[in-house]
């Protein structure tokens, strides 16, 4: 193997590492948006259990409360639009960083 092939392989390795990193970040971001309401239900249920309300009844109270909060967020298009836009920006930034490695590879091959 000549030096150019080793350099290309090294750049491809770093490109793969950056791809995996940004993929993990995007998955973690959108997963947090799904898990957040579920966690709120659990926390409200545990809070109500401090007052002697059982878990089943606490969940029956917590689910509509979290549903109402979700409806309030849904009625603010700027807020949920911003949350989605941040996720899309993460995807775009990752794609741009990965494409930057292709420019380096092209300069090495030339």
PDB file of N, CA and C in Angstrom:
ATOM      1  N   UNK A   1       0.847  -1.189   0.000  1.00  0.00           N
ATOM      2  CA  UNK A   1       0.000   0.000   0.000  1.00  0.00           C
ATOM      3  C   UNK A   1       0.884   1.241   0.000  1.00  0.00           C
ATOM      4  N   UNK A   2       0.472   2.164  -0.816  1.00  0.00           N
ATOM      5  CA  UNK A   2       1.261   3.400  -0.821  1.00  0.00           C
ATOM      6  C   UNK A   2       0.695   4.388   0.197  1.00  0.00           C
ATOM      7  N   UNK A   3       1.369   5.501   0.340  1.00  0.00           N
ATOM      8  CA  UNK A   3       1.029   6.474   1.372  1.00  0.00           C
ATOM      9  C   UNK A   3      -0.347   7.103   1.146  1.00  0.00           C
ATOM     10  N   UNK A   4      -0.751   7.277  -0.120  1.00  0.00           N
ATOM     11  CA  UNK A   4      -2.047   7.890  -0.426  1.00  0.00           C
ATOM     12  C   UNK A   4      -3.180   6.993   0.070  1.00  0.00           C
ATOM     13  N   UNK A   5      -3.049   5.682  -0.148  1.00  0.00           N
ATOM     14  CA  UNK A   5      -4.097   4.766   0.295  1.00  0.00           C
ATOM     15  C   UNK A   5      -4.223   4.736   1.818  1.00  0.00           C
ATOM     16  N   UNK A   6      -3.105   4.825   2.511  1.00  0.00           N
ATOM     17  CA  UNK A   6      -3.137   4.854   3.976  1.00  0.00           C
ATOM     18  C   UNK A   6      -3.811   6.138   4.458  1.00  0.00           C
ATOM     19  N   UNK A   7      -3.479   7.263   3.827  1.00  0.00           N
ATOM     20  CA  UNK A   7      -4.102   8.533   4.211  1.00  0.00           C
ATOM     21  C   UNK A   7      -5.606   8.514   3.924  1.00  0.00           C
ATOM     22  N   UNK A   8      -6.006   7.952   2.795  1.00  0.00           N
ATOM     23  CA  UNK A   8      -7.428   7.862   2.457  1.00  0.00           C
ATOM     24  C   UNK A   8      -8.148   6.971   3.465  1.00  0.00           C
ATOM     25  N   UNK A   9      -7.527   5.864   3.832  1.00  0.00           N
ATOM     26  CA  UNK A   9      -8.133   4.963   4.817  1.00  0.00           C
ATOM     27  C   UNK A   9      -8.284   5.650   6.172  1.00  0.00           C
ATOM     28  N   UNK A  10      -7.293   6.438   6.553  1.00  0.00           N
ATOM     29  CA  UNK A  10      -7.351   7.160   7.817  1.00  0.00           C
ATOM     30  C   UNK A  10      -8.471   8.202   7.805  1.00  0.00           C
ATOM     31  N   UNK A  11      -8.598   8.919   6.698  1.00  0.00           N
ATOM     32  CA  UNK A  11      -9.662   9.918   6.583  1.00  0.00           C
ATOM     33  C   UNK A  11     -11.027   9.231   6.597  1.00  0.00           C
ATOM     34  N   UNK A  12     -11.142   8.082   5.914  1.00  0.00           N
ATOM     35  CA  UNK A  12     -12.406   7.324   5.923  1.00  0.00           C
ATOM     36  C   UNK A  12     -12.754   6.849   7.334  1.00  0.00           C
ATOM     37  N   UNK A  13     -11.732   6.465   8.111  1.00  0.00           N
ATOM     38  CA  UNK A  13     -11.972   6.057   9.491  1.00  0.00           C
ATOM     39  C   UNK A  13     -12.543   7.213  10.307  1.00  0.00           C
ATOM     40  N   UNK A  14     -11.920   8.380  10.191  1.00  0.00           N
ATOM     41  CA  UNK A  14     -12.439   9.549  10.910  1.00  0.00           C
ATOM     42  C   UNK A  14     -13.823   9.946  10.404  1.00  0.00           C
ATOM     43  N   UNK A  15     -14.063   9.790   9.121  1.00  0.00           N
ATOM     44  CA  UNK A  15     -15.381  10.089   8.567  1.00  0.00           C
ATOM     45  C   UNK A  15     -16.431   9.156   9.173  1.00  0.00           C
ATOM     46  N   UNK A  16     -16.098   7.895   9.312  1.00  0.00           N
ATOM     47  CA  UNK A  16     -17.020   6.940   9.918  1.00  0.00           C
ATOM     48  C   UNK A  16     -17.279   7.268  11.384  1.00  0.00           C
ATOM     49  N   UNK A  17     -16.238   7.661  12.112  1.00  0.00           N
ATOM     50  CA  UNK A  17     -16.399   8.022  13.520  1.00  0.00           C
ATOM     51  C   UNK A  17     -17.322   9.228  13.660  1.00  0.00           C
ATOM     52  N   UNK A  18     -17.158  10.226  12.809  1.00  0.00           N
ATOM     53  CA  UNK A  18     -18.023  11.405  12.853  1.00  0.00           C
ATOM     54  C   UNK A  18     -19.456  11.029  12.473  1.00  0.00           C
ATOM     55  N   UNK A  19     -19.615  10.138  11.499  1.00  0.00           N
ATOM     56  CA  UNK A  19     -20.949   9.675  11.106  1.00  0.00           C
ATOM     57  C   UNK A  19     -21.645   8.979  12.272  1.00  0.00           C
ATOM     58  N   UNK A  20     -20.941   8.100  12.961  1.00  0.00           N
ATOM     59  CA  UNK A  20     -21.523   7.389  14.107  1.00  0.00           C
ATOM     60  C   UNK A  20     -21.855   8.368  15.226  1.00  0.00           C
ATOM     61  N   UNK A  21     -20.987   9.336  15.466  1.00  0.00           N
ATOM     62  CA  UNK A  21     -21.222  10.327  16.515  1.00  0.00           C
ATOM     63  C   UNK A  21     -22.484  11.140  16.234  1.00  0.00           C
ATOM     64  N   UNK A  22     -22.615  11.663  15.017  1.00  0.00           N
ATOM     65  CA  UNK A  22     -23.790  12.471  14.708  1.00  0.00           C
ATOM     66  C   UNK A  22     -25.057  11.626  14.647  1.00  0.00           C
ATOM     67  N   UNK A  23     -24.944  10.378  14.213  1.00  0.00           N
ATOM     68  CA  UNK A  23     -26.111   9.501  14.225  1.00  0.00           C
ATOM     69  C   UNK A  23     -26.589   9.271  15.648  1.00  0.00           C
ATOM     70  N   UNK A  24     -25.661   9.033  16.563  1.00  0.00           N
ATOM     71  CA  UNK A  24     -26.020   8.854  17.964  1.00  0.00           C
ATOM     72  C   UNK A  24     -26.662  10.109  18.541  1.00  0.00           C
ATOM     73  N   UNK A  25     -26.115  11.277  18.220  1.00  0.00           N
ATOM     74  CA  UNK A  25     -26.653  12.530  18.742  1.00  0.00           C
ATOM     75  C   UNK A  25     -28.080  12.753  18.258  1.00  0.00           C
ATOM     76  N   UNK A  26     -28.345  12.507  16.981  1.00  0.00           N
ATOM     77  CA  UNK A  26     -29.688  12.711  16.433  1.00  0.00           C
ATOM     78  C   UNK A  26     -30.669  11.720  17.041  1.00  0.00           C
ATOM     79  N   UNK A  27     -30.262  10.466  17.166  1.00  0.00           N
ATOM     80  CA  UNK A  27     -31.152   9.469  17.772  1.00  0.00           C
ATOM     81  C   UNK A  27     -31.429   9.808  19.233  1.00  0.00           C
ATOM     82  N   UNK A  28     -30.422  10.238  19.960  1.00  0.00           N
ATOM     83  CA  UNK A  28     -30.615  10.613  21.362  1.00  0.00           C
ATOM     84  C   UNK A  28     -31.528  11.824  21.486  1.00  0.00           C
ATOM     85  N   UNK A  29     -31.398  12.798  20.582  1.00  0.00           N
ATOM     86  CA  UNK A  29     -32.231  14.001  20.635  1.00  0.00           C
ATOM     87  C   UNK A  29     -33.702  13.656  20.417  1.00  0.00           C
ATOM     88  N   UNK A  30     -33.997  12.919  19.345  1.00  0.00           N
ATOM     89  CA  UNK A  30     -35.390  12.605  19.065  1.00  0.00           C
ATOM     90  C   UNK A  30     -35.951  11.586  20.059  1.00  0.00           C
ATOM     91  N   UNK A  31     -35.111  10.716  20.600  1.00  0.00           N
ATOM     92  CA  UNK A  31     -35.574   9.790  21.633  1.00  0.00           C
ATOM     93  C   UNK A  31     -35.936  10.544  22.909  1.00  0.00           C
ATOM     94  N   UNK A  32     -35.180  11.571  23.233  1.00  0.00           N
ATOM     95  CA  UNK A  32     -35.491  12.380  24.415  1.00  0.00           C
ATOM     96  C   UNK A  32     -36.844  13.074  24.258  1.00  0.00           C
ATOM     97  N   UNK A  33     -37.185  13.461  23.032  1.00  0.00           N
ATOM     98  CA  UNK A  33     -38.484  14.097  22.804  1.00  0.00           C
ATOM     99  C   UNK A  33     -39.631  13.109  23.009  1.00  0.00           C
ATOM    100  N   UNK A  34     -39.379  11.832  22.793  1.00  0.00           N
ATOM    101  CA  UNK A  34     -40.403  10.817  23.007  1.00  0.00           C
ATOM    102  C   UNK A  34     -40.469  10.419  24.481  1.00  0.00           C
ATOM    103  N   UNK A  35     -39.310  10.306  25.115  1.00  0.00           N
ATOM    104  CA  UNK A  35     -39.250   9.824  26.491  1.00  0.00           C
ATOM    105  C   UNK A  35     -39.676  10.899  27.490  1.00  0.00           C
ATOM    106  N   UNK A  36     -39.544  12.164  27.143  1.00  0.00           N
ATOM    107  CA  UNK A  36     -39.864  13.251  28.070  1.00  0.00           C
ATOM    108  C   UNK A  36     -41.302  13.200  28.591  1.00  0.00           C
ATOM    109  N   UNK A  37     -42.326  13.045  27.733  1.00  0.00           N
ATOM    110  CA  UNK A  37     -43.684  12.940  28.284  1.00  0.00           C
ATOM    111  C   UNK A  37     -43.889  11.680  29.135  1.00  0.00           C
ATOM    112  N   UNK A  38     -43.259  10.582  28.748  1.00  0.00           N
ATOM    113  CA  UNK A  38     -43.390   9.361  29.536  1.00  0.00           C
ATOM    114  C   UNK A  38     -42.773   9.543  30.915  1.00  0.00           C
ATOM    115  N   UNK A  39     -41.656  10.233  30.972  1.00  0.00           N
ATOM    116  CA  UNK A  39     -41.023  10.499  32.251  1.00  0.00           C
ATOM    117  C   UNK A  39     -41.886  11.432  33.100  1.00  0.00           C
ATOM    118  N   UNK A  40     -42.532  12.389  32.466  1.00  0.00           N
ATOM    119  CA  UNK A  40     -43.411  13.298  33.214  1.00  0.00           C
ATOM    120  C   UNK A  40     -44.562  12.519  33.848  1.00  0.00           C
ATOM    121  N   UNK A  41     -45.092  11.536  33.131  1.00  0.00           N
ATOM    122  CA  UNK A  41     -46.169  10.708  33.699  1.00  0.00           C
ATOM    123  C   UNK A  41     -45.662   9.957  34.924  1.00  0.00           C
ATOM    124  N   UNK A  42     -44.486   9.385  34.829  1.00  0.00           N
ATOM    125  CA  UNK A  42     -43.918   8.635  35.954  1.00  0.00           C
ATOM    126  C   UNK A  42     -43.661   9.561  37.135  1.00  0.00           C
ATOM    127  N   UNK A  43     -43.120  10.741  36.874  1.00  0.00           N
ATOM    128  CA  UNK A  43     -42.810  11.666  37.971  1.00  0.00           C
ATOM    129  C   UNK A  43     -44.074  12.177  38.659  1.00  0.00           C
ATOM    130  N   UNK A  44     -45.107  12.486  37.884  1.00  0.00           N
ATOM    131  CA  UNK A  44     -46.361  12.935  38.490  1.00  0.00           C
ATOM    132  C   UNK A  44     -46.988  11.807  39.301  1.00  0.00           C
ATOM    133  N   UNK A  45     -46.923  10.581  38.784  1.00  0.00           N
ATOM    134  CA  UNK A  45     -47.459   9.431  39.513  1.00  0.00           C
ATOM    135  C   UNK A  45     -46.726   9.232  40.828  1.00  0.00           C
ATOM    136  N   UNK A  46     -45.404   9.350  40.819  1.00  0.00           N
ATOM    137  CA  UNK A  46     -44.634   9.205  42.058  1.00  0.00           C
ATOM    138  C   UNK A  46     -44.927  10.351  43.027  1.00  0.00           C
ATOM    139  N   UNK A  47     -45.124  11.556  42.489  1.00  0.00           N
ATOM    140  CA  UNK A  47     -45.461  12.692  43.344  1.00  0.00           C
ATOM    141  C   UNK A  47     -46.806  12.483  44.015  1.00  0.00           C
ATOM    142  N   UNK A  48     -47.765  11.980  43.254  1.00  0.00           N
ATOM    143  CA  UNK A  48     -49.098  11.745  43.835  1.00  0.00           C
ATOM    144  C   UNK A  48     -49.080  10.594  44.838  1.00  0.00           C
ATOM    145  N   UNK A  49     -48.134   9.675  44.699  1.00  0.00           N
ATOM    146  CA  UNK A  49     -48.059   8.582  45.671  1.00  0.00           C
ATOM    147  C   UNK A  49     -47.597   9.088  47.038  1.00  0.00           C
ATOM    148  N   UNK A  50     -46.970  10.255  47.087  1.00  0.00           N
ATOM    149  CA  UNK A  50     -46.604  10.852  48.369  1.00  0.00           C
ATOM    150  C   UNK A  50     -47.840  11.239  49.174  1.00  0.00           C
ATOM    151  N   UNK A  51     -48.935  11.510  48.490  1.00  0.00           N
ATOM    152  CA  UNK A  51     -50.183  11.891  49.140  1.00  0.00           C
ATOM    153  C   UNK A  51     -51.112  10.698  49.342  1.00  0.00           C
ATOM    154  N   UNK A  52     -50.609   9.499  49.125  1.00  0.00           N
ATOM    155  CA  UNK A  52     -51.400   8.304  49.373  1.00  0.00           C
ATOM    156  C   UNK A  52     -52.249   7.866  48.200  1.00  0.00           C
ATOM    157  N   UNK A  53     -52.072   8.484  47.049  1.00  0.00           N
ATOM    158  CA  UNK A  53     -52.822   8.085  45.854  1.00  0.00           C
ATOM    159  C   UNK A  53     -52.047   6.946  45.202  1.00  0.00           C
ATOM    160  N   UNK A  54     -52.711   5.846  44.927  1.00  0.00           N
ATOM    161  CA  UNK A  54     -52.049   4.677  44.357  1.00  0.00           C
ATOM    162  C   UNK A  54     -51.517   4.942  42.963  1.00  0.00           C
ATOM    163  N   UNK A  55     -50.692   4.004  42.502  1.00  0.00           N
ATOM    164  CA  UNK A  55     -50.053   4.171  41.197  1.00  0.00           C
ATOM    165  C   UNK A  55     -51.062   4.178  40.058  1.00  0.00           C
ATOM    166  N   UNK A  56     -52.049   3.332  40.134  1.00  0.00           N
ATOM    167  CA  UNK A  56     -53.034   3.266  39.045  1.00  0.00           C
ATOM    168  C   UNK A  56     -53.836   4.556  38.982  1.00  0.00           C
ATOM    169  N   UNK A  57     -54.305   5.023  40.136  1.00  0.00           N
ATOM    170  CA  UNK A  57     -55.073   6.269  40.143  1.00  0.00           C
ATOM    171  C   UNK A  57     -54.186   7.475  39.824  1.00  0.00           C
ATOM    172  N   UNK A  58     -52.937   7.401  40.277  1.00  0.00           N
ATOM    173  CA  UNK A  58     -51.990   8.470  39.950  1.00  0.00           C
ATOM    174  C   UNK A  58     -51.734   8.541  38.452  1.00  0.00           C
ATOM    175  N   UNK A  59     -51.620   7.382  37.816  1.00  0.00           N
ATOM    176  CA  UNK A  59     -51.427   7.363  36.364  1.00  0.00           C
ATOM    177  C   UNK A  59     -52.668   7.867  35.647  1.00  0.00           C
ATOM    178  N   UNK A  60     -53.849   7.529  36.191  1.00  0.00           N
ATOM    179  CA  UNK A  60     -55.092   8.024  35.580  1.00  0.00           C
ATOM    180  C   UNK A  60     -55.215   9.538  35.695  1.00  0.00           C
ATOM    181  N   UNK A  61     -54.582  10.116  36.669  1.00  0.00           N
ATOM    182  CA  UNK A  61     -54.558  11.576  36.800  1.00  0.00           C
ATOM    183  C   UNK A  61     -53.424  12.165  35.954  1.00  0.00           C
ATOM    184  N   UNK A  62     -52.268  11.506  35.945  1.00  0.00           N
ATOM    185  CA  UNK A  62     -51.078  12.047  35.281  1.00  0.00           C
ATOM    186  C   UNK A  62     -51.206  12.048  33.767  1.00  0.00           C
ATOM    187  N   UNK A  63     -51.824  11.038  33.185  1.00  0.00           N
ATOM    188  CA  UNK A  63     -51.908  10.959  31.726  1.00  0.00           C
ATOM    189  C   UNK A  63     -52.684  12.142  31.142  1.00  0.00           C
ATOM    190  N   UNK A  64     -53.861  12.509  31.672  1.00  0.00           N
ATOM    191  CA  UNK A  64     -54.525  13.702  31.122  1.00  0.00           C
ATOM    192  C   UNK A  64     -53.754  14.997  31.369  1.00  0.00           C
ATOM    193  N   UNK A  65     -53.045  15.076  32.498  1.00  0.00           N
ATOM    194  CA  UNK A  65     -52.252  16.282  32.773  1.00  0.00           C
ATOM    195  C   UNK A  65     -51.148  16.432  31.730  1.00  0.00           C
ATOM    196  N   UNK A  66     -50.433  15.352  31.443  1.00  0.00           N
ATOM    197  CA  UNK A  66     -49.376  15.399  30.438  1.00  0.00           C
ATOM    198  C   UNK A  66     -49.979  15.614  29.051  1.00  0.00           C
ATOM    199  N   UNK A  67     -51.133  15.017  28.795  1.00  0.00           N
ATOM    200  CA  UNK A  67     -51.815  15.258  27.517  1.00  0.00           C
ATOM    201  C   UNK A  67     -52.185  16.719  27.347  1.00  0.00           C
ATOM    202  N   UNK A  68     -52.645  17.359  28.419  1.00  0.00           N
ATOM    203  CA  UNK A  68     -52.972  18.784  28.351  1.00  0.00           C
ATOM    204  C   UNK A  68     -51.714  19.615  28.085  1.00  0.00           C
ATOM    205  N   UNK A  69     -50.614  19.271  28.756  1.00  0.00           N
ATOM    206  CA  UNK A  69     -49.361  19.991  28.512  1.00  0.00           C
ATOM    207  C   UNK A  69     -48.894  19.813  27.073  1.00  0.00           C
ATOM    208  N   UNK A  70     -49.072  18.609  26.537  1.00  0.00           N
ATOM    209  CA  UNK A  70     -48.704  18.376  25.139  1.00  0.00           C
ATOM    210  C   UNK A  70     -49.582  19.197  24.205  1.00  0.00           C
ATOM    211  N   UNK A  71     -50.866  19.338  24.548  1.00  0.00           N
ATOM    212  CA  UNK A  71     -51.761  20.148  23.724  1.00  0.00           C
ATOM    213  C   UNK A  71     -51.348  21.628  23.772  1.00  0.00           C
ATOM    214  N   UNK A  72     -50.932  22.096  24.946  1.00  0.00           N
ATOM    215  CA  UNK A  72     -50.479  23.485  25.069  1.00  0.00           C
ATOM    216  C   UNK A  72     -49.239  23.715  24.207  1.00  0.00           C
ATOM    217  N   UNK A  73     -48.316  22.753  24.219  1.00  0.00           N
ATOM    218  CA  UNK A  73     -47.119  22.867  23.382  1.00  0.00           C
ATOM    219  C   UNK A  73     -47.508  22.814  21.908  1.00  0.00           C
ATOM    220  N   UNK A  74     -48.472  21.962  21.567  1.00  0.00           N
ATOM    221  CA  UNK A  74     -48.906  21.834  20.179  1.00  0.00           C
ATOM    222  C   UNK A  74     -49.539  23.126  19.671  1.00  0.00           C
ATOM    223  N   UNK A  75     -50.198  23.854  20.555  1.00  0.00           N
ATOM    224  CA  UNK A  75     -50.849  25.109  20.146  1.00  0.00           C
ATOM    225  C   UNK A  75     -49.852  26.258  19.997  1.00  0.00           C
ATOM    226  N   UNK A  76     -48.597  26.025  20.378  1.00  0.00           N
ATOM    227  CA  UNK A  76     -47.540  27.016  20.165  1.00  0.00           C
ATOM    228  C   UNK A  76     -46.681  26.540  19.000  1.00  0.00           C
ATOM    229  N   UNK A  77     -47.035  26.906  17.767  1.00  0.00           N
ATOM    230  CA  UNK A  77     -46.302  26.366  16.616  1.00  0.00           C
ATOM    231  C   UNK A  77     -44.827  26.787  16.597  1.00  0.00           C
ATOM    232  N   UNK A  78     -44.509  27.910  17.219  1.00  0.00           N
ATOM    233  CA  UNK A  78     -43.116  28.334  17.252  1.00  0.00           C
ATOM    234  C   UNK A  78     -42.270  27.363  18.066  1.00  0.00           C
ATOM    235  N   UNK A  79     -42.854  26.849  19.166  1.00  0.00           N
ATOM    236  CA  UNK A  79     -42.088  25.982  20.052  1.00  0.00           C
ATOM    237  C   UNK A  79     -41.838  24.617  19.428  1.00  0.00           C
ATOM    238  N   UNK A  80     -42.892  23.953  18.967  1.00  0.00           N
ATOM    239  CA  UNK A  80     -42.634  22.624  18.407  1.00  0.00           C
ATOM    240  C   UNK A  80     -41.961  22.724  17.052  1.00  0.00           C
ATOM    241  N   UNK A  81     -42.131  23.841  16.350  1.00  0.00           N
ATOM    242  CA  UNK A  81     -41.370  24.059  15.123  1.00  0.00           C
ATOM    243  C   UNK A  81     -39.890  24.219  15.414  1.00  0.00           C
ATOM    244  N   UNK A  82     -39.575  24.905  16.514  1.00  0.00           N
ATOM    245  CA  UNK A  82     -38.181  25.096  16.908  1.00  0.00           C
ATOM    246  C   UNK A  82     -37.539  23.775  17.307  1.00  0.00           C
ATOM    247  N   UNK A  83     -38.272  22.937  18.031  1.00  0.00           N
ATOM    248  CA  UNK A  83     -37.737  21.643  18.448  1.00  0.00           C
ATOM    249  C   UNK A  83     -37.404  20.788  17.228  1.00  0.00           C
ATOM    250  N   UNK A  84     -38.294  20.763  16.256  1.00  0.00           N
ATOM    251  CA  UNK A  84     -38.046  19.994  15.033  1.00  0.00           C
ATOM    252  C   UNK A  84     -36.906  20.618  14.229  1.00  0.00           C
ATOM    253  N   UNK A  85     -36.873  21.948  14.172  1.00  0.00           N
ATOM    254  CA  UNK A  85     -35.819  22.635  13.419  1.00  0.00           C
ATOM    255  C   UNK A  85     -34.435  22.353  14.010  1.00  0.00           C
ATOM    256  N   UNK A  86     -34.351  22.269  15.325  1.00  0.00           N
ATOM    257  CA  UNK A  86     -33.069  21.946  15.962  1.00  0.00           C
ATOM    258  C   UNK A  86     -32.617  20.554  15.553  1.00  0.00           C
ATOM    259  N   UNK A  87     -33.533  19.604  15.519  1.00  0.00           N
ATOM    260  CA  UNK A  87     -33.192  18.255  15.078  1.00  0.00           C
ATOM    261  C   UNK A  87     -32.743  18.216  13.635  1.00  0.00           C
ATOM    262  N   UNK A  88     -33.433  18.960  12.782  1.00  0.00           N
ATOM    263  CA  UNK A  88     -33.049  19.012  11.370  1.00  0.00           C
ATOM    264  C   UNK A  88     -31.687  19.692  11.216  1.00  0.00           C
ATOM    265  N   UNK A  89     -31.420  20.709  12.025  1.00  0.00           N
ATOM    266  CA  UNK A  89     -30.104  21.358  11.991  1.00  0.00           C
ATOM    267  C   UNK A  89     -28.991  20.394  12.406  1.00  0.00           C
ATOM    268  N   UNK A  90     -29.279  19.535  13.371  1.00  0.00           N
ATOM    269  CA  UNK A  90     -28.295  18.523  13.757  1.00  0.00           C
ATOM    270  C   UNK A  90     -27.988  17.588  12.588  1.00  0.00           C
ATOM    271  N   UNK A  91     -29.037  17.182  11.881  1.00  0.00           N
ATOM    272  CA  UNK A  91     -28.856  16.298  10.728  1.00  0.00           C
ATOM    273  C   UNK A  91     -28.061  17.006   9.636  1.00  0.00           C
ATOM    274  N   UNK A  92     -28.403  18.260   9.354  1.00  0.00           N
ATOM    275  CA  UNK A  92     -27.719  19.022   8.309  1.00  0.00           C
ATOM    276  C   UNK A  92     -26.247  19.253   8.664  1.00  0.00           C
ATOM    277  N   UNK A  93     -25.989  19.590   9.921  1.00  0.00           N
ATOM    278  CA  UNK A  93     -24.616  19.801  10.353  1.00  0.00           C
ATOM    279  C   UNK A  93     -23.797  18.522  10.216  1.00  0.00           C
ATOM    280  N   UNK A  94     -24.372  17.399  10.609  1.00  0.00           N
ATOM    281  CA  UNK A  94     -23.675  16.126  10.463  1.00  0.00           C
ATOM    282  C   UNK A  94     -23.367  15.805   9.023  1.00  0.00           C
ATOM    283  N   UNK A  95     -24.332  16.040   8.128  1.00  0.00           N
ATOM    284  CA  UNK A  95     -24.116  15.771   6.707  1.00  0.00           C
ATOM    285  C   UNK A  95     -23.019  16.668   6.144  1.00  0.00           C
ATOM    286  N   UNK A  96     -23.023  17.938   6.536  1.00  0.00           N
ATOM    287  CA  UNK A  96     -21.983  18.859   6.061  1.00  0.00           C
ATOM    288  C   UNK A  96     -20.595  18.455   6.558  1.00  0.00           C
ATOM    289  N   UNK A  97     -20.511  17.999   7.813  1.00  0.00           N
ATOM    290  CA  UNK A  97     -19.215  17.575   8.350  1.00  0.00           C
ATOM    291  C   UNK A  97     -18.723  16.318   7.635  1.00  0.00           C
ATOM    292  N   UNK A  98     -19.623  15.412   7.325  1.00  0.00           N
ATOM    293  CA  UNK A  98     -19.225  14.189   6.620  1.00  0.00           C
ATOM    294  C   UNK A  98     -18.805  14.511   5.192  1.00  0.00           C
ATOM    295  N   UNK A  99     -19.506  15.445   4.543  1.00  0.00           N
ATOM    296  CA  UNK A  99     -19.125  15.856   3.187  1.00  0.00           C
ATOM    297  C   UNK A  99     -17.768  16.562   3.166  1.00  0.00           C
ATOM    298  N   UNK A 100     -17.396  17.210   4.265  1.00  0.00           N
ATOM    299  CA  UNK A 100     -16.092  17.887   4.331  1.00  0.00           C
ATOM    300  C   UNK A 100     -14.953  16.876   4.226  1.00  0.00           C
ATOM    301  N   UNK A 101     -15.188  15.672   4.723  1.00  0.00           N
ATOM    302  CA  UNK A 101     -14.158  14.633   4.594  1.00  0.00           C
ATOM    303  C   UNK A 101     -13.963  14.230   3.134  1.00  0.00           C
ATOM    304  N   UNK A 102     -15.041  14.253   2.341  1.00  0.00           N
ATOM    305  CA  UNK A 102     -14.912  13.898   0.921  1.00  0.00           C
ATOM    306  C   UNK A 102     -14.001  14.876   0.183  1.00  0.00           C
ATOM    307  N   UNK A 103     -14.040  16.157   0.564  1.00  0.00           N
ATOM    308  CA  UNK A 103     -13.147  17.140  -0.052  1.00  0.00           C
ATOM    309  C   UNK A 103     -11.684  16.829   0.274  1.00  0.00           C
ATOM    310  N   UNK A 104     -11.446  16.381   1.500  1.00  0.00           N
ATOM    311  CA  UNK A 104     -10.076  16.026   1.884  1.00  0.00           C
ATOM    312  C   UNK A 104      -9.612  14.820   1.082  1.00  0.00           C
ATOM    313  N   UNK A 105     -10.499  13.844   0.920  1.00  0.00           N
ATOM    314  CA  UNK A 105     -10.132  12.645   0.147  1.00  0.00           C
ATOM    315  C   UNK A 105      -9.857  13.003  -1.306  1.00  0.00           C
ATOM    316  N   UNK A 106     -10.666  13.883  -1.884  1.00  0.00           N
ATOM    317  CA  UNK A 106     -10.416  14.316  -3.265  1.00  0.00           C
ATOM    318  C   UNK A 106      -9.080  15.017  -3.415  1.00  0.00           C
ATOM    319  N   UNK A 107      -8.708  15.832  -2.408  1.00  0.00           N
ATOM    320  CA  UNK A 107      -7.419  16.520  -2.486  1.00  0.00           C
ATOM    321  C   UNK A 107      -6.253  15.534  -2.319  1.00  0.00           C
ATOM    322  N   UNK A 108      -6.467  14.463  -1.572  1.00  0.00           N
ATOM    323  CA  UNK A 108      -5.391  13.457  -1.404  1.00  0.00           C
ATOM    324  C   UNK A 108      -5.195  12.646  -2.678  1.00  0.00           C
ATOM    325  N   UNK A 109      -6.275  12.356  -3.389  1.00  0.00           N
ATOM    326  CA  UNK A 109      -6.181  11.554  -4.595  1.00  0.00           C
ATOM    327  C   UNK A 109      -5.622  12.326  -5.768  1.00  0.00           C
ATOM    328  N   UNK A 110      -5.744  13.659  -5.719  1.00  0.00           N
ATOM    329  CA  UNK A 110      -5.276  14.477  -6.843  1.00  0.00           C
ATOM    330  C   UNK A 110      -3.765  14.602  -6.867  1.00  0.00           C
TER     331      UNK A 110
END
